[in-house]
Amino acid sequence: MWAKSLRFEYLEEKLGQIAKANKKDNGVAALAIPPSKAATNTLAAASTNSIPEILAKRYQRILRTWKELGPEDVFELYLTSLTMLMIPIRTISGLPPRRTSGLP
C-alpha cells in the first residue's frame, strides 16, 4: 500500500510539472493537451531527479510535524477521530439530513 501511495504522489508531481510546462509553452493549463516536444524534453532531463527530492522534503516536513506533537495534541486528534466515527458529518456540518422515502 505504501508503494502505491508513493507512486501516486510521484505521478501527481510529474503531471503537475507537465501541466506547468504546457502552460509556459501554450499559455493554457490543461492536461488534455499533449505536452509539446520542448516541454517533454525539458521535463525528461530535469524532473526525473527533482521529484524524489520534492517527495523526500515533503515526508521530512510531515515527520518533523508529527514529532512536534505533544500528548495533548495526540489526544485531541484521537478524540476528533472518534467523534467523526460516532457522529455523521452531515449532522455537524449544518446540512439538512437526507430524506428517506417510504419510512415514517
Foldseek 3Di string as FASTA:
>chain_A
DVVVVLVVQLVVVLLVQQQVLQCVVPVDRDSVDGRDPVSVVVCVPPVVVVSVVVVVVVVVVVVVVVVPDDPVNVVVVVVVVVVCVVDPPCVVVVHDDDDDPPDD
